[in-house]
Structure formats: structure tokens, C-alpha cells
Protein backbone atom coordinates (compact mmCIF):
# COMPACT_ATOMS: atom_id res chain seq x y z
CA MET A 1 -68.48 -38.44 50.56
CA GLN A 2 -66.65 -35.63 51.85
CA ILE A 3 -63.99 -33.78 49.86
CA ARG A 4 -60.85 -32.36 51.45
CA ILE A 5 -59.20 -29.08 49.55
CA GLY A 6 -56.07 -28.23 51.27
CA PHE A 7 -54.00 -25.65 50.17
CA GLY A 8 -49.98 -26.34 51.07
CA ARG A 9 -46.56 -24.79 49.78
CA SER A 10 -45.54 -28.07 47.60
CA ARG A 11 -42.01 -29.09 47.85
CA ARG A 12 -39.36 -28.74 45.35
CA PRO A 13 -37.83 -32.11 43.89
CA GLY A 14 -34.11 -32.64 44.97
CA PRO A 15 -31.95 -33.12 42.64
CA THR A 16 -31.87 -36.32 40.61
CA GLN A 17 -29.02 -38.33 39.70
CA ASP A 18 -28.87 -36.70 36.10
CA ASN A 19 -28.66 -33.15 37.41
CA ARG A 20 -26.36 -34.29 39.81
CA SER A 21 -23.88 -35.48 36.63
CA ILE A 22 -24.87 -32.34 34.76
CA LYS A 23 -23.69 -30.13 37.88
CA GLU A 24 -20.44 -32.10 37.99
CA THR A 25 -20.14 -32.52 34.40
CA THR A 26 -20.63 -28.60 33.87
CA LEU A 27 -17.90 -27.53 36.94
CA ARG A 28 -15.09 -29.75 35.37
CA THR A 29 -15.44 -28.35 32.15
CA PHE A 30 -15.79 -24.65 33.84
CA LEU A 31 -12.70 -25.06 36.14
CA ALA A 32 -10.76 -26.33 32.96
CA SER A 33 -11.51 -23.33 30.99
CA VAL A 34 -10.64 -21.51 33.72
CA SER A 35 -7.12 -23.54 34.07
CA LEU A 36 -6.30 -22.83 30.41
CA ALA A 37 -7.39 -19.39 30.83
CA THR A 38 -4.56 -18.93 33.32
CA ILE A 39 -2.00 -20.97 31.48
CA THR A 40 -2.89 -18.17 28.19
CA LEU A 41 -2.53 -15.23 30.70
CA LEU A 42 0.55 -16.20 32.24
CA ALA A 43 2.10 -17.02 29.09
CA SER A 44 1.18 -13.57 27.49
CA PHE A 45 4.07 -12.15 30.28
CA GLN A 46 6.65 -14.30 29.39
CA ALA A 47 9.46 -12.44 27.67
CA SER A 48 9.52 -12.57 24.09
CA ALA A 49 13.13 -13.79 22.78
CA ALA A 50 12.48 -11.80 19.65
CA PHE A 51 14.60 -8.51 19.76
CA THR A 52 13.79 -5.71 17.33
CA VAL A 53 16.76 -4.40 15.48
CA LYS A 54 16.47 -0.94 13.36
CA ILE A 55 18.73 -0.11 10.63
CA PHE A 56 19.88 3.51 10.07
CA ALA A 57 21.73 6.04 7.21
CA ASP A 58 24.48 8.07 7.80
CA PRO A 59 25.87 7.01 11.50
CA VAL A 60 28.28 9.78 13.23
CA ASP A 61 30.41 8.08 15.51
CA THR A 62 30.60 10.76 18.11
CA GLY A 63 33.17 8.87 20.12
CA THR A 64 30.95 8.24 23.38
CA ASP A 65 27.52 7.17 21.03
CA VAL A 66 26.18 6.95 17.52
CA GLU A 67 24.08 9.67 16.19
CA PHE A 68 21.62 8.00 13.27
CA GLY A 69 20.65 9.73 10.38
CA ASP A 70 16.93 7.94 8.46
CA GLN A 71 15.83 4.55 9.31
CA ILE A 72 16.03 2.30 6.47
CA GLY A 73 15.07 -0.80 7.80
CA GLU A 74 13.94 -3.06 10.76
CA PHE A 75 14.04 -6.81 11.56
CA THR A 76 13.79 -9.13 14.43
CA SER A 77 16.10 -11.69 15.73
CA ASP A 78 16.10 -14.56 18.72
CA LEU A 79 19.57 -13.35 19.50
CA ILE A 80 21.76 -10.20 19.45
CA GLY A 81 24.60 -11.92 16.94
CA PHE A 82 25.07 -10.61 13.48
CA THR A 83 28.03 -10.64 11.56
CA SER A 84 28.22 -10.03 6.95
CA ASP A 85 30.69 -9.49 4.54
CA ASN A 86 30.46 -7.92 1.25
CA LEU A 87 28.54 -10.97 -0.35
CA VAL A 88 26.75 -13.35 2.54
CA THR A 89 25.08 -11.50 5.85
CA SER A 90 24.20 -13.75 8.74
CA ASP A 91 20.37 -12.64 8.78
CA PRO A 92 18.43 -11.22 6.09
CA GLY A 93 17.85 -7.98 7.80
CA TRP A 94 21.28 -7.48 8.64
CA PRO A 95 23.30 -5.22 5.76
CA LEU A 96 25.95 -6.48 3.92
CA ALA A 97 29.60 -5.25 5.11
CA ASP A 98 30.26 -2.47 2.27
CA ARG A 99 27.75 -0.32 2.99
CA THR A 100 27.64 2.44 5.62
CA PHE A 101 25.22 1.83 7.94
CA GLY A 102 24.19 1.73 12.02
CA ALA A 103 21.92 -0.32 14.06
CA GLU A 104 20.11 -0.14 17.60
CA VAL A 105 19.08 -3.08 19.55
CA THR A 106 17.07 -2.80 23.04
CA GLY A 107 16.43 -5.21 25.67
CA TYR A 108 16.92 -6.21 29.48
CA PHE A 109 19.30 -8.09 31.93
CA ASN A 110 17.27 -10.00 33.97
CA THR A 111 18.85 -11.30 37.38
CA ALA A 112 17.98 -12.92 40.62
CA VAL A 113 20.16 -10.52 42.83
CA GLU A 114 21.21 -7.13 42.91
CA GLY A 115 25.01 -6.65 42.00
CA LEU A 116 28.04 -6.27 39.34
CA TYR A 117 27.96 -8.58 36.60
CA PRO A 118 30.42 -8.63 33.66
CA LEU A 119 29.07 -8.04 30.10
CA TYR A 120 30.91 -8.51 27.05
CA LEU A 121 30.52 -6.48 23.43
CA GLY A 122 32.43 -7.37 20.69
CA SER A 123 32.01 -5.15 17.32
CA ASP A 124 33.78 -4.46 13.81
CA ASP A 125 33.12 -1.49 13.58
CA GLY A 126 32.26 0.32 16.06
CA ALA A 127 29.73 0.54 18.88
CA TYR A 128 28.51 1.46 22.53
CA LEU A 129 26.75 -0.05 25.36
CA PHE A 130 24.41 1.45 27.68
CA VAL A 131 23.04 0.41 30.90
CA ASN A 132 19.94 1.96 32.76
CA GLY A 133 21.18 4.89 30.28
CA ALA A 134 24.79 4.84 31.48
CA LEU A 135 27.69 4.33 28.89
CA VAL A 136 29.26 0.60 30.20
CA ILE A 137 31.24 -0.29 27.27
CA SER A 138 32.77 2.01 24.48
CA ARG A 139 34.15 0.61 21.15
CA PRO A 140 34.81 4.14 19.28
CA GLY A 141 36.24 3.85 15.70
CA ASN A 142 36.77 1.93 12.83
CA GLN A 143 38.09 -1.44 13.96
CA SER A 144 38.41 -5.22 13.11
CA TYR A 145 36.36 -7.34 15.29
CA GLY A 146 37.42 -7.36 19.15
CA GLU A 147 35.52 -7.89 22.34
CA SER A 148 35.36 -5.52 25.21
CA GLN A 149 34.58 -6.12 29.18
CA ALA A 150 33.21 -3.94 31.88
CA ASP A 151 31.11 -5.04 35.52
CA ALA A 152 27.78 -3.69 35.33
CA SER A 153 25.36 -2.50 38.47
CA LEU A 154 22.31 -4.65 37.47
CA MET A 155 18.94 -4.27 39.82
CA GLU A 156 17.29 -7.71 40.96
CA GLY A 157 14.80 -8.54 38.30
CA SER A 158 15.32 -6.36 34.77
CA THR A 159 17.71 -3.60 33.75
CA PRO A 160 17.18 -2.13 30.63
CA PHE A 161 20.14 -1.67 27.97
CA ARG A 162 20.53 0.02 24.58
CA ILE A 163 23.54 -0.98 21.93
CA VAL A 164 24.42 1.44 19.19
CA TYR A 165 26.51 0.17 16.38
CA PHE A 166 28.00 1.77 12.89
CA ASN A 167 29.83 0.14 9.94
CA GLY A 168 32.26 1.55 8.01
CA PRO A 169 32.10 0.01 4.45
CA CYS A 170 34.75 -2.38 4.53
CA CYS A 171 35.44 -6.19 4.55
CA GLY A 172 33.68 -7.41 7.74
CA SER A 173 31.09 -6.15 10.09
CA GLN A 174 29.84 -7.94 13.24
CA LEU A 175 27.75 -7.49 16.42
CA THR A 176 27.53 -9.22 19.84
CA ILE A 177 26.70 -9.08 23.12
CA ALA A 178 26.95 -11.77 26.12
CA ALA A 179 27.07 -12.05 29.92
CA ASP A 180 27.47 -14.35 32.30
CA ASP A 181 25.26 -17.53 33.31
CA ARG A 182 23.46 -15.43 35.48
CA VAL A 183 22.59 -12.97 33.92
CA THR A 184 19.10 -13.41 30.89
CA ILE A 185 19.07 -11.47 28.16
CA THR A 186 15.57 -10.89 26.94
CA SER A 187 14.08 -8.35 24.57
CA ALA A 188 11.37 -7.13 27.63
CA PRO A 189 11.07 -7.42 31.20
CA ILE A 190 10.68 -10.87 32.86
CA PRO A 191 7.68 -9.81 35.45
CA GLU A 192 8.66 -11.07 38.92
CA PRO A 193 7.04 -13.92 41.18
CA GLY A 194 5.17 -11.67 42.87
CA THR A 195 3.19 -10.71 39.73
CA TYR A 196 2.24 -14.63 38.71
CA ALA A 197 1.37 -15.11 41.93
CA LEU A 198 -1.14 -12.32 41.94
CA MET A 199 -2.54 -12.62 38.76
CA ALA A 200 -3.37 -16.82 39.55
CA GLY A 201 -5.04 -15.02 42.99
CA GLY A 202 -7.10 -13.02 41.35
CA LEU A 203 -8.23 -15.88 38.39
CA ALA A 204 -8.85 -18.14 41.61
CA VAL A 205 -11.80 -15.60 43.19
CA LEU A 206 -13.21 -15.14 39.97
CA ALA A 207 -13.28 -18.98 39.19
CA ALA A 208 -14.99 -19.52 42.96
CA GLY A 209 -17.56 -16.75 42.00
CA ALA A 210 -18.40 -17.84 39.07
CA ARG A 211 -18.62 -21.92 40.04
CA ARG A 212 -20.97 -20.62 43.03
CA ARG A 213 -23.24 -18.79 40.48
CA ARG A 214 -22.96 -22.12 38.49
CA GLN A 215 -24.03 -23.95 41.09
CA ARG A 216 -26.99 -21.60 42.33
CA GLU A 217 -28.34 -22.07 38.65
CA ILE A 218 -28.26 -25.94 38.04
CA GLY A 219 -29.08 -26.64 41.48
């Protein structure tokens, strides 16, 4: 009997149905994870609605600004609109009106188009609104609640603002800020649409690279 022994290169078996199913399931799971990561990352760039309000002792109205003593409190609020009398306050962090105190709030005016926009500042007693560092609305001195309006130049996108306020001890305390419907008031700048597109593009590249590596490992 003649026995023939042959040496050759073995062939790698093709993917079975089970392997293909595993591959497809893994790919779907991976893409779902990337989508969730994209949503989570983009959401983290959304401007927070909570404004930080700092409370100070010994405020001094200079006629163009308010100088503060020591900070004595701090709280957050979804809106800039506070009021109190000698017994009740609209927010636990906002002092009663029978106390002398000052307050500072910062944030951003967000617009789609650069231009002049009407802004409204209300106060009892005094308050000042600074937009991009410039004094725009001045309400000096002890006074009952009233509202002042001025047009301010706002950039396309986000323009920073600062409000300073003081209350002389009396029967009422109040602070409000408003703008027209073309302006959104937030505590942090809103990223421009290009930022989201850049982030999404970067995540897509990472996802494609990881998908190719996963396919090589499974296949």
C-alpha cells in the first residue's frame, strides 16, 4: 500500500451563521452605546438653568455700582425674580426685607443675530445691569419697586451680563430681569451649532474605528 503524505496550508473556515449573528448583535450593541454616549456628551453642553445668587453684607450704593462687604450666603434659582417683605420671602436664600443686604447674579443673554435688544431691570431698592462689562441700566438709591428699560448691543450667540442689587431695611425687597422673546437668558453660554457638529463628527470617527477593530476581532 502506498501512503502519500501531503503538506499544505490549511484554510480558515468561513464564518458560521452563529458567528455572523454574534457579530451583528455586538455591532448593534456597540452603535447603541456610541449613540447614548453622544447624547449624554451633547447634553452636558446644554446651558444650565440654575443661576447662582450670591448674598453680601454691608452693600454701598456708589451711584454707578454696588460695593459689597463679606459674602453671607449663596443659593441657586431657575429664574431671576425674587421678592420678600418683613415676614415672607419667595426663596429661602433671599433675605427678608427688614435686613440690609446686597446680591449679585451673573448669566448670559443668548441671541441668534447680533443687534440691539430691549432689556428690563426691576428693583426695590437699587440695582444695576452690566452687559459685557458696560453699565446698561442704572437704578440707584432707595426706592419702591419700578422697572427700567434700555436697549443693549448683544452679540450673536452668548453675551455675558452681571446684576448687582442692594436692599435698604424697610418693608419690601424685589429684583427682576427680563428681555423680549428673541433673547434667552441662561446661567451659562449656549454652544453654537458648529460645536455640536464638530463633536458629533469626532464621535462618528471614533465609532467607525472601533467598529472596524471589533469586526477584525470577531471575523
